[in-house]
């Protein structure tokens, strides 16, 4: 499973910050944090999901009734950088200055000089100028905050190519600073609620909490959110190219989110159609999906397949799995935790067991990285006595060895570094090479198919996103920073 770095919100009300953070919980549940900005900048961070700390008690801590605070930065995190055994130290917002009160499972940092919350990942090579002796963690966000202290917001945009959507507050600055990297790798949305402007990683937080979407943040721009809820925008860089993370549409973002004018729901529907154009063996009896993300694509695939073979979609599409809760296995802190989440949160619907016996099943998933979640789903289906399984990914093989001989992966915010244990690779004669689809299928005990890179790019193009505006590095394309 894919893992994403985090999500952030910037709003003017503590209640809104808390609720909107809960709407972003799908992006991270390892830790949560809020910075309250006003006469002072005070930070509260706690381990676990947003709901692990009661909203009523946040009001006691931040004492909002005295109107000391005008802006709140909220953050939910999954660690792609930093020490997963030191969750609270690495949790956002990161701080410079302040008085620390460490209560074990939560920490307060009062009267900070400056704070930052960040969605994305910055390769350390762009932060070499930072004095490491001033750091409390090895998290890229703390390094980026120190870089801001020395170089300001213009220095970040001009000297750091990406990837980031971030929020900064400083004691000596009236406005809260928001910026999105010049390539637009990570999403950022400007919204409005009760006449005041707000920001989030996804617009679903506005629609779920009484706000409205205004527009995507312009890459290469700085937004200054004012205490009264107004804002000013400064266009600093004219983007030379875009490199938007395709996984935002494929998996990471909520299905009701719109990013850079493209609906996540529309993409997943269209990619299901593309998948059916590429892969449609005539012996499929049942089409299903590994919950929950691929459901839209699986339904679209089923509709196209039914048309091809003049079948009734209601007879071939089935939801065969259920999950005990909505948590995503990818945001466990360790491999052991992720495996436990998979094994204790995915089950076959009892009433479907007999129906599956002797059937040819097509299972659709959003991606296959290491194969852990896939193996669990396949095992459960086989226990029902299926005759055969086609396992189909609507994302091309991730982590391949590119045509240039360079192992792929991601160091820009999705936790699948090039050295990861990708199922698509094997070692031969001391050298890593790509497995064929057939070889991956043999490992999983299925017939395996992946959407082609061409099919993926055409799907985006049909929705108005040129292929050159996407980062496709993890599936064999050029790195965004490569000239």
Foldseek 3Di string as FASTA:
>chain_A
DWAFWKKKKKDFDLVLRLLLQLVQCLNAFQKKKKWFDALFTKIKIFGGHSVVDDSVVVCVVVVCVVVRGQMMMMMHGFDLDWDLVPRACQDDFDFADFDWDDPPRMIMGIRTQKTKDKTKFFPCVLLVVADCVRDPIGGVNNSVVSVCVVQNPLCCQVRTQDQIWMWMDGNPDQWIKTAGGQQNAFWKFWKDAPRAIMIISWQVSQVVPVIGTDGTGHHQKMWTGGSVRDIDIDRNDNRPAHAYAPCCLLPRPDQQTATPNRGSLLLLLLLLLLQLVVDADPQAQAEEELDDRNHNSRLSVLVNNCVVVVHDSVRHYDHFKFFPDDHQLNRDSDPVSSLVRLQRTIATDVVCLQVQAAGEYEYEYQAAFQCSNVLSVLVRSVVSHHPAYEYEHSAAFFQAQAPVRQTFFDRITMNTDNVHNGLQWDADPNGIHGDDQCVSCVVSVHRYYYRDPVSSQVSVVVRPDHSRNHNPRRNHDDHPVDD
